[in-house]
C-alpha atoms as a PDB file:
ATOM      1  CA  MET A   1       3.179  10.666   5.719  1.00  0.00           C
ATOM      2  CA  ALA A   2       4.162  10.997   2.067  1.00  0.00           C
ATOM      3  CA  ALA A   3       6.959   8.457   2.447  1.00  0.00           C
ATOM      4  CA  SER A   4       4.637   5.797   3.788  1.00  0.00           C
ATOM      5  CA  ALA A   5       2.065   6.487   1.062  1.00  0.00           C
ATOM      6  CA  GLY A   6       4.815   6.178  -1.550  1.00  0.00           C
ATOM      7  CA  PHE A   7       5.972   2.959   0.065  1.00  0.00           C
ATOM      8  CA  ILE A   8       2.457   1.542  -0.144  1.00  0.00           C
ATOM      9  CA  TRP A   9       2.038   2.501  -3.803  1.00  0.00           C
ATOM     10  CA  GLU A  10       5.481   1.109  -4.623  1.00  0.00           C
ATOM     11  CA  ASN A  11       4.514  -2.237  -3.055  1.00  0.00           C
ATOM     12  CA  ALA A  12       1.230  -2.228  -4.963  1.00  0.00           C
ATOM     13  CA  LEU A  13       3.087  -1.604  -8.225  1.00  0.00           C
ATOM     14  CA  VAL A  14       5.512  -4.440  -7.506  1.00  0.00           C
ATOM     15  CA  ALA A  15       2.589  -6.748  -6.742  1.00  0.00           C
ATOM     16  CA  VAL A  16       0.903  -5.846 -10.041  1.00  0.00           C
ATOM     17  CA  LEU A  17       4.118  -6.448 -11.956  1.00  0.00           C
ATOM     18  CA  LEU A  18       4.575  -9.808 -10.246  1.00  0.00           C
ATOM     19  CA  LEU A  19       1.020 -10.798 -11.112  1.00  0.00           C
ATOM     20  CA  ARG A  20       1.534  -9.805 -14.749  1.00  0.00           C
ATOM     21  CA  ALA A  21       4.699 -11.874 -14.919  1.00  0.00           C
ATOM     22  CA  LEU A  22       2.850 -14.743 -13.272  1.00  0.00           C
ATOM     23  CA  VAL A  23       0.240 -14.738 -16.022  1.00  0.00           C
ATOM     24  CA  ARG A  24       2.813 -14.473 -18.812  1.00  0.00           C
ATOM     25  CA  GLY A  25       5.761 -16.504 -17.584  1.00  0.00           C
ATOM     26  CA  ASP A  26       6.815 -20.078 -16.936  1.00  0.00           C
ATOM     27  CA  ARG A  27       8.067 -19.274 -13.468  1.00  0.00           C
ATOM     28  CA  GLY A  28       4.598 -18.997 -11.973  1.00  0.00           C
ATOM     29  CA  GLN A  29       5.279 -20.891  -8.797  1.00  0.00           C
ATOM     30  CA  THR A  30       8.262 -18.763  -7.814  1.00  0.00           C
ATOM     31  CA  LEU A  31       6.487 -15.542  -8.691  1.00  0.00           C
ATOM     32  CA  SER A  32       3.391 -16.514  -6.754  1.00  0.00           C
ATOM     33  CA  GLU A  33       5.547 -17.315  -3.732  1.00  0.00           C
ATOM     34  CA  TYR A  34       7.190 -13.902  -3.977  1.00  0.00           C
ATOM     35  CA  GLY A  35       3.764 -12.321  -4.349  1.00  0.00           C
ATOM     36  CA  LEU A  36       2.519 -14.061  -1.217  1.00  0.00           C
ATOM     37  CA  LEU A  37       5.609 -12.984   0.720  1.00  0.00           C
ATOM     38  CA  LEU A  38       5.212  -9.413  -0.502  1.00  0.00           C
ATOM     39  CA  THR A  39       1.558  -9.435   0.560  1.00  0.00           C
ATOM     40  CA  LEU A  40       2.386 -10.773   4.003  1.00  0.00           C
ATOM     41  CA  VAL A  41       5.125  -8.192   4.512  1.00  0.00           C
ATOM     42  CA  ALA A  42       2.876  -5.372   3.295  1.00  0.00           C
ATOM     43  CA  ILE A  43       0.072  -6.455   5.639  1.00  0.00           C
ATOM     44  CA  GLY A  44       2.566  -6.846   8.465  1.00  0.00           C
ATOM     45  CA  VAL A  45       3.756  -3.280   7.947  1.00  0.00           C
ATOM     46  CA  VAL A  46       0.558  -1.460   6.947  1.00  0.00           C
ATOM     47  CA  VAL A  47      -1.865  -2.875   9.521  1.00  0.00           C
ATOM     48  CA  PRO A  48       0.264  -2.212  12.634  1.00  0.00           C
ATOM     49  CA  THR A  49       1.231   1.215  11.307  1.00  0.00           C
ATOM     50  CA  ALA A  50      -2.407   2.120  10.705  1.00  0.00           C
ATOM     51  CA  ILE A  51      -3.363   0.913  14.177  1.00  0.00           C
ATOM     52  CA  LEU A  52      -0.557   2.813  15.887  1.00  0.00           C
ATOM     53  CA  MET A  53      -1.112   6.004  13.900  1.00  0.00           C
ATOM     54  CA  ARG A  54      -4.919   5.970  13.621  1.00  0.00           C
ATOM     55  CA  THR A  55      -5.328   9.416  15.212  1.00  0.00           C
ATOM     56  CA  ALA A  56      -2.775  11.023  12.907  1.00  0.00           C
ATOM     57  CA  LEU A  57      -4.255   9.257   9.876  1.00  0.00           C
ATOM     58  CA  ALA A  58      -7.789  10.364  10.756  1.00  0.00           C
ATOM     59  CA  SER A  59      -6.568  13.937  11.132  1.00  0.00           C
ATOM     60  CA  ALA A  60      -4.724  13.830   7.811  1.00  0.00           C
ATOM     61  CA  PHE A  61      -7.757  12.413   5.991  1.00  0.00           C
ATOM     62  CA  SER A  62     -10.049  15.047   7.487  1.00  0.00           C
ATOM     63  CA  ASP A  63      -7.579  17.772   6.446  1.00  0.00           C
ATOM     64  CA  VAL A  64      -7.558  16.448   2.881  1.00  0.00           C
ATOM     65  CA  ALA A  65     -11.355  16.142   2.832  1.00  0.00           C
ATOM     66  CA  GLY A  66     -11.691  19.712   4.073  1.00  0.00           C
ATOM     67  CA  CYS A  67      -9.276  20.919   1.432  1.00  0.00           C
ATOM     68  CA  LEU A  68     -11.142  19.048  -1.332  1.00  0.00           C
ATOM     69  CA  LEU A  69     -14.465  20.432  -0.149  1.00  0.00           C
ATOM     70  CA  GLY A  70     -13.004  23.915  -0.117  1.00  0.00           C
ATOM     71  CA  THR A  71     -13.793  24.656   3.529  1.00  0.00           C
ATOM     72  CA  THR A  72     -10.171  24.760   4.733  1.00  0.00           C
ATOM     73  CA  CYS A  73      -6.837  24.429   3.046  1.00  0.00           C
END
């Protein structure tokens, strides 16, 4: 679970860096194309993974919520 969360955050960081470069640089068209491709790949990976693992994800989120609330940990 931690690997996929890290993968998601890494993709989000890359997207933010691409957007920053898009605003600052002359190569806006190329960067925006890469940003669109990155978004499509991320959606293509995250959405099917979330659908296939919805039970495990719901269990993990409830475990974390219980730990944060102090009921179980």
